Amino acid sequence: MNVFIVYAHPEPKSFNGGLFRTAVEVLRAAGHEVRASDLYAMGFDPLSSRRSFLTVKDPDYFKPQIEETHASEVGGFAPDVAEEMAKLEWCDLMIWQFPLWWFGPPAILKGWVDRVFAMGRIYGYGHIYETGRLRGKRALLSLTTGGPAAAYVKGGFNGDIDGILRPIHRGMLQFVGFEVLAPHIVYGPVRLEEAERLAILERYAERLRRIVEESPIEVGEY
C-alpha cells in the first residue's frame, strides 16, 4: 500500500512528532511504501497566490479557481504544488498528523489544502464527493488536543469532537473523493505521564499494523 503522511507541527520533539515518526517507521516495517511531507521543515508556503502557477490565464484579475483549471489543462503548477499533487494522487492512504488549534488544523496545513486541492486537477466539473477524482483512496486524521476527552463531548466544555472535525472530514476529504477512517485522537498529551504517552504510541502502532483491515466510517458516526 502507498501511504502519504502530511505532518504539521513546528517542533520535531513534540508528541505530534512522535506520532509522525511512529507512523513512518511502523508502516515501512509492515511493507508499505511511505512518502511524507513535513510542512514546517519544508518551509511550505501556505499562501494561495500566483506563486502556485507557472502559467497565467488572466493577468488582470487573480481568481485561484480559474488559474487552477488552466494550470490543470496545461501542466502549469509550480514545482512545490505539483510535487504535493503527485504524492496525493500516488497514495492509497493519506494520513494527516497535526495538533488541533482553534478547533481546526494549523494554518500551514489549511494552506496546503488551499494550494494542493486544485480545481480541475483534484476536484470540480462534476467530480466531487462520490464522483471525486480521489475516490477509492482513504484518509485518516491523527491529531492531538489541548484539553481532556471530557471537554470534547456533546455538552462538554468545547463541544462534540465529531462536529469539530466534520468540516475537515466532509468539507475537505470526502469532498474530493476520499473515504474517511475513524480519527486517531490523543486528548491532552501534555497532561500525561511519559509512560502513558509511550503506551499511546504503541496503541497507534498496533492500529497502523492492521490499518488495511479497517473500513471507512460515515462522517459523524465514530
N, C-alpha and C. Protein backbone atom coordinates (compact mmCIF):
# COMPACT_ATOMS: atom_id res chain seq x y z
N MET A 1 0.85 -1.19 0.00
CA MET A 1 0.00 0.00 0.00
C MET A 1 0.88 1.24 0.00
N ASN A 2 0.47 2.25 -0.72
CA ASN A 2 1.18 3.52 -0.77
C ASN A 2 0.56 4.48 0.24
N VAL A 3 1.39 4.97 1.17
CA VAL A 3 0.89 5.83 2.24
C VAL A 3 1.59 7.19 2.17
N PHE A 4 0.80 8.23 2.21
CA PHE A 4 1.28 9.61 2.18
C PHE A 4 0.93 10.26 3.51
N ILE A 5 1.95 10.71 4.26
CA ILE A 5 1.72 11.34 5.55
C ILE A 5 2.04 12.83 5.46
N VAL A 6 1.08 13.65 5.80
CA VAL A 6 1.26 15.10 5.84
C VAL A 6 1.35 15.50 7.31
N TYR A 7 2.49 16.03 7.69
CA TYR A 7 2.78 16.33 9.10
C TYR A 7 2.87 17.84 9.30
N ALA A 8 2.14 18.35 10.28
CA ALA A 8 2.11 19.80 10.50
C ALA A 8 2.29 20.10 11.99
N HIS A 9 3.53 20.24 12.40
CA HIS A 9 3.85 20.71 13.75
C HIS A 9 5.25 21.34 13.70
N PRO A 10 5.44 22.50 14.34
CA PRO A 10 6.73 23.18 14.24
C PRO A 10 7.84 22.60 15.10
N GLU A 11 7.50 21.70 16.04
CA GLU A 11 8.51 21.16 16.96
C GLU A 11 8.70 19.66 16.75
N PRO A 12 9.86 19.23 16.23
CA PRO A 12 10.09 17.81 15.99
C PRO A 12 9.99 16.96 17.26
N LYS A 13 10.31 17.52 18.43
CA LYS A 13 10.28 16.74 19.67
C LYS A 13 8.90 16.70 20.31
N SER A 14 7.92 17.27 19.66
CA SER A 14 6.55 17.27 20.18
C SER A 14 5.95 15.86 20.13
N PHE A 15 4.82 15.68 20.81
CA PHE A 15 4.14 14.39 20.75
C PHE A 15 3.63 14.13 19.34
N ASN A 16 3.22 15.18 18.64
CA ASN A 16 2.85 15.01 17.23
C ASN A 16 4.04 14.48 16.43
N GLY A 17 5.24 14.98 16.75
CA GLY A 17 6.43 14.46 16.08
C GLY A 17 6.62 12.98 16.37
N GLY A 18 6.34 12.56 17.61
CA GLY A 18 6.44 11.15 17.95
C GLY A 18 5.44 10.31 17.21
N LEU A 19 4.21 10.79 17.08
CA LEU A 19 3.19 10.07 16.32
C LEU A 19 3.57 9.97 14.85
N PHE A 20 4.13 11.03 14.31
CA PHE A 20 4.56 11.05 12.92
C PHE A 20 5.66 10.02 12.68
N ARG A 21 6.68 10.04 13.52
CA ARG A 21 7.79 9.09 13.35
C ARG A 21 7.33 7.65 13.55
N THR A 22 6.43 7.45 14.50
CA THR A 22 5.89 6.11 14.72
C THR A 22 5.20 5.60 13.45
N ALA A 23 4.38 6.45 12.84
CA ALA A 23 3.66 6.04 11.64
C ALA A 23 4.62 5.68 10.51
N VAL A 24 5.61 6.52 10.29
CA VAL A 24 6.58 6.25 9.21
C VAL A 24 7.28 4.92 9.45
N GLU A 25 7.79 4.73 10.67
CA GLU A 25 8.56 3.52 10.98
C GLU A 25 7.71 2.25 10.93
N VAL A 26 6.53 2.31 11.52
CA VAL A 26 5.67 1.12 11.60
C VAL A 26 5.15 0.73 10.21
N LEU A 27 4.72 1.69 9.45
CA LEU A 27 4.17 1.39 8.13
C LEU A 27 5.24 0.85 7.19
N ARG A 28 6.44 1.41 7.25
CA ARG A 28 7.52 0.88 6.41
C ARG A 28 7.90 -0.52 6.85
N ALA A 29 7.94 -0.74 8.15
CA ALA A 29 8.28 -2.08 8.65
C ALA A 29 7.24 -3.11 8.24
N ALA A 30 6.00 -2.66 8.05
CA ALA A 30 4.92 -3.54 7.63
C ALA A 30 4.92 -3.79 6.12
N GLY A 31 5.86 -3.18 5.41
CA GLY A 31 5.99 -3.43 3.98
C GLY A 31 5.33 -2.40 3.09
N HIS A 32 4.78 -1.35 3.67
CA HIS A 32 4.14 -0.31 2.86
C HIS A 32 5.18 0.70 2.38
N GLU A 33 4.90 1.32 1.25
CA GLU A 33 5.75 2.42 0.79
C GLU A 33 5.21 3.71 1.38
N VAL A 34 6.08 4.50 1.98
CA VAL A 34 5.65 5.71 2.67
C VAL A 34 6.38 6.93 2.09
N ARG A 35 5.60 7.95 1.78
CA ARG A 35 6.15 9.25 1.44
C ARG A 35 5.55 10.27 2.41
N ALA A 36 6.34 11.25 2.78
CA ALA A 36 5.89 12.20 3.79
C ALA A 36 6.20 13.63 3.39
N SER A 37 5.36 14.54 3.87
CA SER A 37 5.59 15.98 3.73
C SER A 37 5.57 16.59 5.13
N ASP A 38 6.74 16.97 5.61
CA ASP A 38 6.88 17.67 6.88
C ASP A 38 6.79 19.16 6.55
N LEU A 39 5.60 19.71 6.66
CA LEU A 39 5.34 21.03 6.10
C LEU A 39 6.20 22.13 6.69
N TYR A 40 6.40 22.11 8.01
CA TYR A 40 7.23 23.15 8.62
C TYR A 40 8.69 22.99 8.21
N ALA A 41 9.19 21.77 8.21
CA ALA A 41 10.58 21.53 7.82
C ALA A 41 10.81 21.91 6.36
N MET A 42 9.79 21.71 5.53
CA MET A 42 9.88 22.07 4.11
C MET A 42 9.80 23.56 3.89
N GLY A 43 9.28 24.29 4.89
CA GLY A 43 9.00 25.71 4.68
C GLY A 43 7.90 25.90 3.67
N PHE A 44 6.91 25.00 3.69
CA PHE A 44 5.85 25.06 2.69
C PHE A 44 5.11 26.39 2.78
N ASP A 45 4.94 27.03 1.64
CA ASP A 45 4.23 28.31 1.56
C ASP A 45 2.73 28.04 1.56
N PRO A 46 2.00 28.47 2.59
CA PRO A 46 0.57 28.19 2.66
C PRO A 46 -0.31 29.21 1.93
N LEU A 47 0.30 30.24 1.35
CA LEU A 47 -0.48 31.32 0.76
C LEU A 47 -0.88 31.00 -0.68
N SER A 48 -2.16 31.08 -0.93
CA SER A 48 -2.65 30.91 -2.30
C SER A 48 -2.41 32.20 -3.07
N SER A 49 -1.58 32.11 -4.10
CA SER A 49 -1.22 33.30 -4.87
C SER A 49 -0.75 32.86 -6.26
N ARG A 50 -0.30 33.79 -7.05
CA ARG A 50 0.20 33.45 -8.37
C ARG A 50 1.48 32.62 -8.30
N ARG A 51 2.11 32.56 -7.14
CA ARG A 51 3.31 31.75 -6.99
C ARG A 51 2.99 30.25 -7.11
N SER A 52 1.71 29.90 -7.08
CA SER A 52 1.33 28.50 -7.24
C SER A 52 1.39 28.03 -8.69
N PHE A 53 1.62 28.98 -9.60
CA PHE A 53 1.48 28.66 -11.03
C PHE A 53 2.68 29.12 -11.84
N LEU A 54 2.97 28.37 -12.88
CA LEU A 54 3.94 28.78 -13.90
C LEU A 54 3.25 29.47 -15.04
N THR A 55 1.93 29.31 -15.11
CA THR A 55 1.13 29.85 -16.21
C THR A 55 0.22 30.97 -15.70
N VAL A 56 -0.32 31.73 -16.63
CA VAL A 56 -1.26 32.80 -16.30
C VAL A 56 -2.42 32.74 -17.28
N LYS A 57 -3.62 32.63 -16.75
CA LYS A 57 -4.82 32.65 -17.59
C LYS A 57 -5.35 34.07 -17.73
N ASP A 58 -5.49 34.77 -16.62
CA ASP A 58 -5.99 36.14 -16.62
C ASP A 58 -5.00 37.02 -15.85
N PRO A 59 -4.20 37.81 -16.55
CA PRO A 59 -3.19 38.64 -15.88
C PRO A 59 -3.77 39.84 -15.14
N ASP A 60 -5.03 40.15 -15.40
CA ASP A 60 -5.62 41.35 -14.83
C ASP A 60 -6.42 41.11 -13.56
N TYR A 61 -6.80 39.85 -13.32
CA TYR A 61 -7.63 39.56 -12.14
C TYR A 61 -7.30 38.15 -11.67
N PHE A 62 -6.85 38.04 -10.43
CA PHE A 62 -6.44 36.74 -9.92
C PHE A 62 -7.61 36.03 -9.25
N LYS A 63 -8.11 34.99 -9.88
CA LYS A 63 -9.11 34.11 -9.29
C LYS A 63 -8.49 32.72 -9.24
N PRO A 64 -8.20 32.21 -8.03
CA PRO A 64 -7.48 30.94 -7.93
C PRO A 64 -8.08 29.79 -8.73
N GLN A 65 -9.41 29.64 -8.70
CA GLN A 65 -10.02 28.50 -9.39
C GLN A 65 -9.83 28.58 -10.90
N ILE A 66 -9.87 29.78 -11.45
CA ILE A 66 -9.63 29.95 -12.89
C ILE A 66 -8.19 29.56 -13.23
N GLU A 67 -7.25 30.02 -12.42
CA GLU A 67 -5.84 29.70 -12.68
C GLU A 67 -5.56 28.22 -12.44
N GLU A 68 -6.23 27.63 -11.44
CA GLU A 68 -6.06 26.19 -11.18
C GLU A 68 -6.56 25.36 -12.35
N THR A 69 -7.71 25.72 -12.87
CA THR A 69 -8.27 24.99 -14.00
C THR A 69 -7.35 25.07 -15.20
N HIS A 70 -6.85 26.27 -15.47
CA HIS A 70 -5.93 26.47 -16.60
C HIS A 70 -4.64 25.67 -16.39
N ALA A 71 -4.09 25.76 -15.20
CA ALA A 71 -2.85 25.03 -14.91
C ALA A 71 -3.07 23.52 -15.02
N SER A 72 -4.26 23.05 -14.65
CA SER A 72 -4.57 21.63 -14.79
C SER A 72 -4.57 21.20 -16.24
N GLU A 73 -5.01 22.08 -17.09
CA GLU A 73 -5.12 21.77 -18.52
C GLU A 73 -3.76 21.77 -19.23
N VAL A 74 -2.84 22.62 -18.76
CA VAL A 74 -1.57 22.79 -19.48
C VAL A 74 -0.34 22.39 -18.67
N GLY A 75 -0.54 21.80 -17.49
CA GLY A 75 0.59 21.42 -16.66
C GLY A 75 1.33 22.62 -16.11
N GLY A 76 0.58 23.57 -15.61
CA GLY A 76 1.18 24.84 -15.22
C GLY A 76 1.34 25.09 -13.73
N PHE A 77 1.36 24.06 -12.90
CA PHE A 77 1.54 24.28 -11.47
C PHE A 77 3.02 24.44 -11.12
N ALA A 78 3.28 25.29 -10.13
CA ALA A 78 4.64 25.47 -9.64
C ALA A 78 5.15 24.15 -9.06
N PRO A 79 6.48 23.94 -9.07
CA PRO A 79 7.03 22.65 -8.63
C PRO A 79 6.61 22.22 -7.23
N ASP A 80 6.55 23.15 -6.27
CA ASP A 80 6.20 22.74 -4.90
C ASP A 80 4.77 22.22 -4.82
N VAL A 81 3.87 22.79 -5.60
CA VAL A 81 2.48 22.32 -5.63
C VAL A 81 2.38 21.01 -6.42
N ALA A 82 3.04 20.96 -7.56
CA ALA A 82 2.99 19.76 -8.40
C ALA A 82 3.52 18.53 -7.67
N GLU A 83 4.56 18.72 -6.86
CA GLU A 83 5.12 17.59 -6.11
C GLU A 83 4.12 17.06 -5.08
N GLU A 84 3.40 17.95 -4.41
CA GLU A 84 2.41 17.53 -3.44
C GLU A 84 1.22 16.85 -4.11
N MET A 85 0.82 17.35 -5.25
CA MET A 85 -0.27 16.73 -6.00
C MET A 85 0.11 15.31 -6.43
N ALA A 86 1.35 15.14 -6.83
CA ALA A 86 1.81 13.82 -7.27
C ALA A 86 1.75 12.82 -6.11
N LYS A 87 2.13 13.26 -4.90
CA LYS A 87 2.05 12.38 -3.73
C LYS A 87 0.58 12.05 -3.42
N LEU A 88 -0.26 13.04 -3.53
CA LEU A 88 -1.68 12.87 -3.26
C LEU A 88 -2.30 11.85 -4.20
N GLU A 89 -1.97 11.96 -5.47
CA GLU A 89 -2.54 11.05 -6.47
C GLU A 89 -1.90 9.66 -6.40
N TRP A 90 -0.70 9.58 -5.89
CA TRP A 90 0.03 8.31 -5.79
C TRP A 90 -0.50 7.43 -4.66
N CYS A 91 -0.96 8.04 -3.58
CA CYS A 91 -1.23 7.28 -2.36
C CYS A 91 -2.54 6.48 -2.43
N ASP A 92 -2.57 5.42 -1.62
CA ASP A 92 -3.80 4.68 -1.35
C ASP A 92 -4.42 5.16 -0.04
N LEU A 93 -3.55 5.57 0.89
CA LEU A 93 -3.97 6.08 2.19
C LEU A 93 -3.21 7.36 2.48
N MET A 94 -3.92 8.39 2.89
CA MET A 94 -3.30 9.64 3.33
C MET A 94 -3.58 9.83 4.82
N ILE A 95 -2.54 10.16 5.57
CA ILE A 95 -2.65 10.45 6.99
C ILE A 95 -2.25 11.89 7.24
N TRP A 96 -3.07 12.63 7.95
CA TRP A 96 -2.68 13.97 8.41
C TRP A 96 -2.33 13.88 9.88
N GLN A 97 -1.16 14.35 10.25
CA GLN A 97 -0.73 14.40 11.65
C GLN A 97 -0.62 15.87 12.07
N PHE A 98 -1.44 16.26 13.05
CA PHE A 98 -1.46 17.69 13.41
C PHE A 98 -2.06 17.91 14.79
N PRO A 99 -1.77 19.04 15.42
CA PRO A 99 -2.45 19.44 16.64
C PRO A 99 -3.71 20.22 16.29
N LEU A 100 -4.76 20.03 17.05
CA LEU A 100 -5.98 20.79 16.84
C LEU A 100 -5.78 22.17 17.46
N TRP A 101 -5.70 23.19 16.62
CA TRP A 101 -5.51 24.57 17.07
C TRP A 101 -6.73 25.38 16.69
N TRP A 102 -7.33 26.07 17.65
CA TRP A 102 -8.50 26.89 17.38
C TRP A 102 -9.57 26.10 16.62
N PHE A 103 -9.77 24.85 17.05
CA PHE A 103 -10.83 23.98 16.50
C PHE A 103 -10.59 23.64 15.04
N GLY A 104 -9.36 23.67 14.61
CA GLY A 104 -9.06 23.33 13.23
C GLY A 104 -7.59 22.97 13.07
N PRO A 105 -7.16 22.69 11.85
CA PRO A 105 -5.76 22.36 11.61
C PRO A 105 -4.90 23.61 11.64
N PRO A 106 -3.60 23.48 11.87
CA PRO A 106 -2.71 24.63 11.78
C PRO A 106 -2.82 25.31 10.41
N ALA A 107 -2.54 26.60 10.38
CA ALA A 107 -2.70 27.37 9.14
C ALA A 107 -1.89 26.79 7.99
N ILE A 108 -0.71 26.24 8.30
CA ILE A 108 0.12 25.71 7.22
C ILE A 108 -0.53 24.52 6.55
N LEU A 109 -1.27 23.72 7.32
CA LEU A 109 -1.97 22.57 6.74
C LEU A 109 -3.20 23.02 5.95
N LYS A 110 -3.94 23.97 6.49
CA LYS A 110 -5.08 24.50 5.73
C LYS A 110 -4.59 25.14 4.43
N GLY A 111 -3.46 25.86 4.50
CA GLY A 111 -2.90 26.45 3.29
C GLY A 111 -2.43 25.41 2.29
N TRP A 112 -1.95 24.28 2.80
CA TRP A 112 -1.58 23.18 1.91
C TRP A 112 -2.81 22.72 1.13
N VAL A 113 -3.94 22.58 1.83
CA VAL A 113 -5.19 22.21 1.15
C VAL A 113 -5.57 23.26 0.12
N ASP A 114 -5.50 24.53 0.51
CA ASP A 114 -5.87 25.62 -0.41
C ASP A 114 -5.10 25.54 -1.71
N ARG A 115 -3.83 25.20 -1.64
CA ARG A 115 -3.00 25.20 -2.84
C ARG A 115 -3.01 23.87 -3.59
N VAL A 116 -3.08 22.76 -2.85
CA VAL A 116 -2.92 21.44 -3.47
C VAL A 116 -4.24 20.85 -3.97
N PHE A 117 -5.33 21.11 -3.26
CA PHE A 117 -6.64 20.62 -3.70
C PHE A 117 -7.16 21.57 -4.78
N ALA A 118 -6.61 21.48 -5.95
CA ALA A 118 -6.87 22.45 -7.01
C ALA A 118 -8.02 22.02 -7.91
N MET A 119 -8.84 23.01 -8.26
CA MET A 119 -9.94 22.76 -9.20
C MET A 119 -9.39 22.32 -10.55
N GLY A 120 -10.02 21.32 -11.12
CA GLY A 120 -9.61 20.81 -12.41
C GLY A 120 -8.70 19.61 -12.29
N ARG A 121 -7.80 19.65 -11.32
CA ARG A 121 -6.86 18.53 -11.11
C ARG A 121 -7.35 17.60 -10.01
N ILE A 122 -7.83 18.15 -8.90
CA ILE A 122 -8.21 17.35 -7.75
C ILE A 122 -9.73 17.26 -7.58
N TYR A 123 -10.45 18.26 -8.00
CA TYR A 123 -11.91 18.25 -7.87
C TYR A 123 -12.52 19.15 -8.94
N GLY A 124 -13.85 19.14 -8.99
CA GLY A 124 -14.57 20.07 -9.85
C GLY A 124 -15.07 19.46 -11.14
N TYR A 125 -15.99 20.20 -11.78
CA TYR A 125 -16.57 19.81 -13.06
C TYR A 125 -17.21 18.43 -12.97
N GLY A 126 -18.05 18.27 -11.94
CA GLY A 126 -18.77 17.02 -11.75
C GLY A 126 -18.05 16.00 -10.90
N HIS A 127 -16.85 16.33 -10.46
CA HIS A 127 -16.06 15.39 -9.67
C HIS A 127 -15.94 15.86 -8.23
N ILE A 128 -16.97 15.57 -7.43
CA ILE A 128 -16.95 15.86 -6.00
C ILE A 128 -17.66 14.72 -5.27
N TYR A 129 -17.33 14.57 -4.00
CA TYR A 129 -17.92 13.53 -3.16
C TYR A 129 -17.83 12.15 -3.83
N GLU A 130 -18.96 11.49 -4.06
CA GLU A 130 -18.94 10.12 -4.58
C GLU A 130 -18.31 10.02 -5.97
N THR A 131 -18.26 11.13 -6.70
CA THR A 131 -17.63 11.11 -8.03
C THR A 131 -16.29 11.84 -8.00
N GLY A 132 -15.76 12.06 -6.80
CA GLY A 132 -14.49 12.78 -6.66
C GLY A 132 -13.34 12.08 -7.36
N ARG A 133 -12.39 12.85 -7.78
CA ARG A 133 -11.25 12.30 -8.51
C ARG A 133 -10.39 11.37 -7.65
N LEU A 134 -10.47 11.53 -6.34
CA LEU A 134 -9.65 10.70 -5.44
C LEU A 134 -10.45 9.55 -4.83
N ARG A 135 -11.57 9.21 -5.42
CA ARG A 135 -12.38 8.11 -4.90
C ARG A 135 -11.55 6.82 -4.93
N GLY A 136 -11.82 5.97 -3.97
CA GLY A 136 -11.05 4.73 -3.84
C GLY A 136 -9.88 4.86 -2.89
N LYS A 137 -9.53 6.09 -2.55
CA LYS A 137 -8.46 6.32 -1.58
C LYS A 137 -9.07 6.54 -0.19
N ARG A 138 -8.25 6.32 0.83
CA ARG A 138 -8.73 6.51 2.20
C ARG A 138 -7.89 7.57 2.91
N ALA A 139 -8.48 8.18 3.93
CA ALA A 139 -7.78 9.22 4.68
C ALA A 139 -8.00 9.03 6.17
N LEU A 140 -6.97 9.35 6.95
CA LEU A 140 -7.01 9.21 8.40
C LEU A 140 -6.49 10.49 9.03
N LEU A 141 -7.25 11.07 9.94
CA LEU A 141 -6.78 12.20 10.74
C LEU A 141 -6.18 11.66 12.03
N SER A 142 -4.93 11.99 12.30
CA SER A 142 -4.29 11.68 13.57
C SER A 142 -3.95 13.01 14.22
N LEU A 143 -4.55 13.28 15.36
CA LEU A 143 -4.43 14.62 15.93
C LEU A 143 -4.37 14.59 17.44
N THR A 144 -3.90 15.70 17.99
CA THR A 144 -3.87 15.89 19.43
C THR A 144 -4.72 17.10 19.79
N THR A 145 -5.19 17.12 21.04
CA THR A 145 -5.94 18.26 21.53
C THR A 145 -5.24 18.82 22.77
N GLY A 146 -5.63 20.03 23.14
CA GLY A 146 -5.09 20.62 24.35
C GLY A 146 -5.85 20.18 25.58
N GLY A 147 -7.14 19.94 25.42
CA GLY A 147 -7.99 19.59 26.54
C GLY A 147 -8.22 18.10 26.68
N PRO A 148 -8.81 17.67 27.80
CA PRO A 148 -9.09 16.26 28.03
C PRO A 148 -10.29 15.79 27.22
N ALA A 149 -10.48 14.48 27.17
CA ALA A 149 -11.57 13.90 26.38
C ALA A 149 -12.93 14.43 26.81
N ALA A 150 -13.12 14.63 28.11
CA ALA A 150 -14.42 15.07 28.61
C ALA A 150 -14.82 16.44 28.08
N ALA A 151 -13.85 17.22 27.61
CA ALA A 151 -14.16 18.54 27.07
C ALA A 151 -14.67 18.49 25.64
N TYR A 152 -14.60 17.31 25.01
CA TYR A 152 -14.94 17.20 23.59
C TYR A 152 -16.10 16.25 23.34
N VAL A 153 -17.08 16.29 24.21
CA VAL A 153 -18.30 15.51 24.03
C VAL A 153 -19.48 16.46 23.97
N LYS A 154 -20.62 15.96 23.53
CA LYS A 154 -21.82 16.81 23.48
C LYS A 154 -22.11 17.33 24.88
N GLY A 155 -22.25 18.63 24.99
CA GLY A 155 -22.47 19.25 26.28
C GLY A 155 -21.19 19.53 27.03
N GLY A 156 -20.05 19.11 26.49
CA GLY A 156 -18.76 19.35 27.13
C GLY A 156 -18.29 20.77 26.92
N PHE A 157 -17.18 21.10 27.55
CA PHE A 157 -16.65 22.46 27.53
C PHE A 157 -16.40 22.96 26.11
N ASN A 158 -15.84 22.13 25.26
CA ASN A 158 -15.52 22.53 23.88
C ASN A 158 -16.50 22.00 22.85
N GLY A 159 -17.41 21.13 23.25
CA GLY A 159 -18.38 20.60 22.30
C GLY A 159 -17.93 19.31 21.64
N ASP A 160 -18.83 18.76 20.89
CA ASP A 160 -18.66 17.44 20.27
C ASP A 160 -17.51 17.41 19.27
N ILE A 161 -16.54 16.52 19.47
CA ILE A 161 -15.41 16.41 18.56
C ILE A 161 -15.86 16.01 17.16
N ASP A 162 -16.97 15.25 17.05
CA ASP A 162 -17.48 14.89 15.73
C ASP A 162 -17.80 16.15 14.91
N GLY A 163 -18.46 17.09 15.56
CA GLY A 163 -18.82 18.33 14.88
C GLY A 163 -17.61 19.19 14.56
N ILE A 164 -16.63 19.17 15.44
CA ILE A 164 -15.41 19.96 15.21
C ILE A 164 -14.67 19.45 13.98
N LEU A 165 -14.62 18.13 13.81
CA LEU A 165 -13.86 17.55 12.71
C LEU A 165 -14.64 17.45 11.40
N ARG A 166 -15.95 17.65 11.47
CA ARG A 166 -16.77 17.47 10.27
C ARG A 166 -16.35 18.37 9.10
N PRO A 167 -15.99 19.64 9.33
CA PRO A 167 -15.55 20.44 8.18
C PRO A 167 -14.33 19.87 7.47
N ILE A 168 -13.49 19.15 8.21
CA ILE A 168 -12.34 18.51 7.57
C ILE A 168 -12.76 17.21 6.89
N HIS A 169 -13.46 16.36 7.64
CA HIS A 169 -13.87 15.07 7.10
C HIS A 169 -14.77 15.22 5.87
N ARG A 170 -15.78 16.05 6.01
CA ARG A 170 -16.76 16.19 4.92
C ARG A 170 -16.35 17.26 3.91
N GLY A 171 -15.95 18.43 4.43
CA GLY A 171 -15.72 19.57 3.54
C GLY A 171 -14.41 19.55 2.80
N MET A 172 -13.46 18.75 3.26
CA MET A 172 -12.17 18.65 2.56
C MET A 172 -11.94 17.25 1.99
N LEU A 173 -11.94 16.24 2.87
CA LEU A 173 -11.54 14.90 2.44
C LEU A 173 -12.61 14.21 1.59
N GLN A 174 -13.82 14.09 2.11
CA GLN A 174 -14.88 13.46 1.32
C GLN A 174 -15.22 14.28 0.08
N PHE A 175 -15.07 15.57 0.17
CA PHE A 175 -15.40 16.44 -0.96
C PHE A 175 -14.61 16.07 -2.22
N VAL A 176 -13.34 15.67 -2.03
CA VAL A 176 -12.52 15.32 -3.19
C VAL A 176 -12.51 13.82 -3.46
N GLY A 177 -13.30 13.05 -2.69
CA GLY A 177 -13.47 11.63 -3.00
C GLY A 177 -12.92 10.66 -1.99
N PHE A 178 -12.18 11.12 -1.00
CA PHE A 178 -11.61 10.19 -0.01
C PHE A 178 -12.69 9.50 0.80
N GLU A 179 -12.45 8.24 1.13
CA GLU A 179 -13.20 7.55 2.17
C GLU A 179 -12.47 7.82 3.49
N VAL A 180 -13.23 8.09 4.54
CA VAL A 180 -12.64 8.54 5.80
C VAL A 180 -12.62 7.41 6.83
N LEU A 181 -11.47 7.21 7.44
CA LEU A 181 -11.35 6.26 8.54
C LEU A 181 -11.60 6.98 9.86
N ALA A 182 -11.92 6.23 10.91
CA ALA A 182 -12.13 6.83 12.22
C ALA A 182 -10.87 7.57 12.65
N PRO A 183 -11.00 8.77 13.16
CA PRO A 183 -9.81 9.55 13.52
C PRO A 183 -9.09 8.94 14.72
N HIS A 184 -7.78 9.19 14.75
CA HIS A 184 -6.98 8.80 15.91
C HIS A 184 -6.75 10.07 16.72
N ILE A 185 -7.37 10.16 17.88
CA ILE A 185 -7.32 11.39 18.67
C ILE A 185 -6.62 11.12 20.00
N VAL A 186 -5.61 11.91 20.29
CA VAL A 186 -4.94 11.85 21.59
C VAL A 186 -5.31 13.11 22.35
N TYR A 187 -6.06 12.93 23.41
CA TYR A 187 -6.56 14.07 24.18
C TYR A 187 -5.53 14.52 25.23
N GLY A 188 -5.13 15.77 25.13
CA GLY A 188 -4.27 16.39 26.13
C GLY A 188 -2.99 15.65 26.44
N PRO A 189 -2.14 15.33 25.46
CA PRO A 189 -0.91 14.59 25.76
C PRO A 189 0.01 15.33 26.72
N VAL A 190 -0.05 16.65 26.74
CA VAL A 190 0.80 17.41 27.65
C VAL A 190 0.47 17.13 29.11
N ARG A 191 -0.75 16.65 29.35
CA ARG A 191 -1.20 16.35 30.71
C ARG A 191 -0.83 14.94 31.17
N LEU A 192 -0.23 14.15 30.28
CA LEU A 192 0.01 12.74 30.56
C LEU A 192 1.44 12.49 31.05
N GLU A 193 1.61 11.41 31.77
CA GLU A 193 2.94 10.96 32.18
C GLU A 193 3.63 10.28 30.99
N GLU A 194 4.95 10.21 31.05
CA GLU A 194 5.71 9.64 29.94
C GLU A 194 5.28 8.21 29.63
N ALA A 195 5.02 7.41 30.66
CA ALA A 195 4.60 6.03 30.43
C ALA A 195 3.27 5.98 29.69
N GLU A 196 2.39 6.92 29.97
CA GLU A 196 1.10 6.97 29.28
C GLU A 196 1.29 7.35 27.82
N ARG A 197 2.19 8.27 27.56
CA ARG A 197 2.44 8.67 26.17
C ARG A 197 3.06 7.52 25.38
N LEU A 198 3.96 6.79 25.99
CA LEU A 198 4.56 5.65 25.30
C LEU A 198 3.52 4.57 25.00
N ALA A 199 2.59 4.38 25.92
CA ALA A 199 1.53 3.39 25.70
C ALA A 199 0.63 3.82 24.55
N ILE A 200 0.38 5.11 24.44
CA ILE A 200 -0.44 5.63 23.33
C ILE A 200 0.27 5.41 22.00
N LEU A 201 1.57 5.64 21.97
CA LEU A 201 2.32 5.41 20.73
C LEU A 201 2.26 3.94 20.32
N GLU A 202 2.31 3.05 21.28
CA GLU A 202 2.25 1.62 20.96
C GLU A 202 0.86 1.23 20.47
N ARG A 203 -0.18 1.81 21.06
CA ARG A 203 -1.54 1.52 20.58
C ARG A 203 -1.74 2.04 19.15
N TYR A 204 -1.16 3.19 18.86
CA TYR A 204 -1.24 3.72 17.50
C TYR A 204 -0.49 2.80 16.54
N ALA A 205 0.67 2.33 16.96
CA ALA A 205 1.44 1.40 16.12
C ALA A 205 0.64 0.14 15.83
N GLU A 206 -0.04 -0.37 16.85
CA GLU A 206 -0.85 -1.56 16.65
C GLU A 206 -1.98 -1.31 15.66
N ARG A 207 -2.58 -0.17 15.75
CA ARG A 207 -3.65 0.16 14.80
C ARG A 207 -3.10 0.22 13.38
N LEU A 208 -1.95 0.87 13.22
CA LEU A 208 -1.39 1.03 11.88
C LEU A 208 -0.97 -0.30 11.27
N ARG A 209 -0.56 -1.23 12.10
CA ARG A 209 -0.18 -2.55 11.57
C ARG A 209 -1.37 -3.27 10.95
N ARG A 210 -2.58 -2.90 11.38
CA ARG A 210 -3.80 -3.54 10.85
C ARG A 210 -4.65 -2.57 10.04
N ILE A 211 -4.08 -1.46 9.62
CA ILE A 211 -4.87 -0.40 9.00
C ILE A 211 -5.54 -0.85 7.71
N VAL A 212 -4.94 -1.82 7.01
CA VAL A 212 -5.54 -2.28 5.76
C VAL A 212 -6.86 -3.00 5.99
N GLU A 213 -7.10 -3.45 7.23
CA GLU A 213 -8.32 -4.17 7.55
C GLU A 213 -9.48 -3.25 7.89
N GLU A 214 -9.21 -1.96 8.10
CA GLU A 214 -10.24 -1.04 8.55
C GLU A 214 -11.21 -0.66 7.42
N SER A 215 -12.42 -0.36 7.83
CA SER A 215 -13.45 0.10 6.89
C SER A 215 -13.72 1.58 7.14
N PRO A 216 -14.13 2.30 6.12
CA PRO A 216 -14.45 3.72 6.30
C PRO A 216 -15.68 3.91 7.16
N ILE A 217 -15.79 5.09 7.73
CA ILE A 217 -16.92 5.43 8.58
C ILE A 217 -17.87 6.37 7.85
N GLU A 218 -19.07 6.48 8.38
CA GLU A 218 -19.96 7.56 7.97
C GLU A 218 -19.59 8.76 8.84
N VAL A 219 -19.39 9.91 8.23
CA VAL A 219 -18.96 11.08 8.99
C VAL A 219 -19.99 11.40 10.06
N GLY A 220 -19.50 11.56 11.28
CA GLY A 220 -20.37 11.83 12.40
C GLY A 220 -20.72 10.58 13.18
N GLU A 221 -20.35 9.41 12.65
CA GLU A 221 -20.62 8.15 13.33
C GLU A 221 -19.30 7.47 13.65
N TYR A 222 -18.80 7.71 14.82
CA TYR A 222 -17.50 7.13 15.18
C TYR A 222 -17.71 5.90 16.05
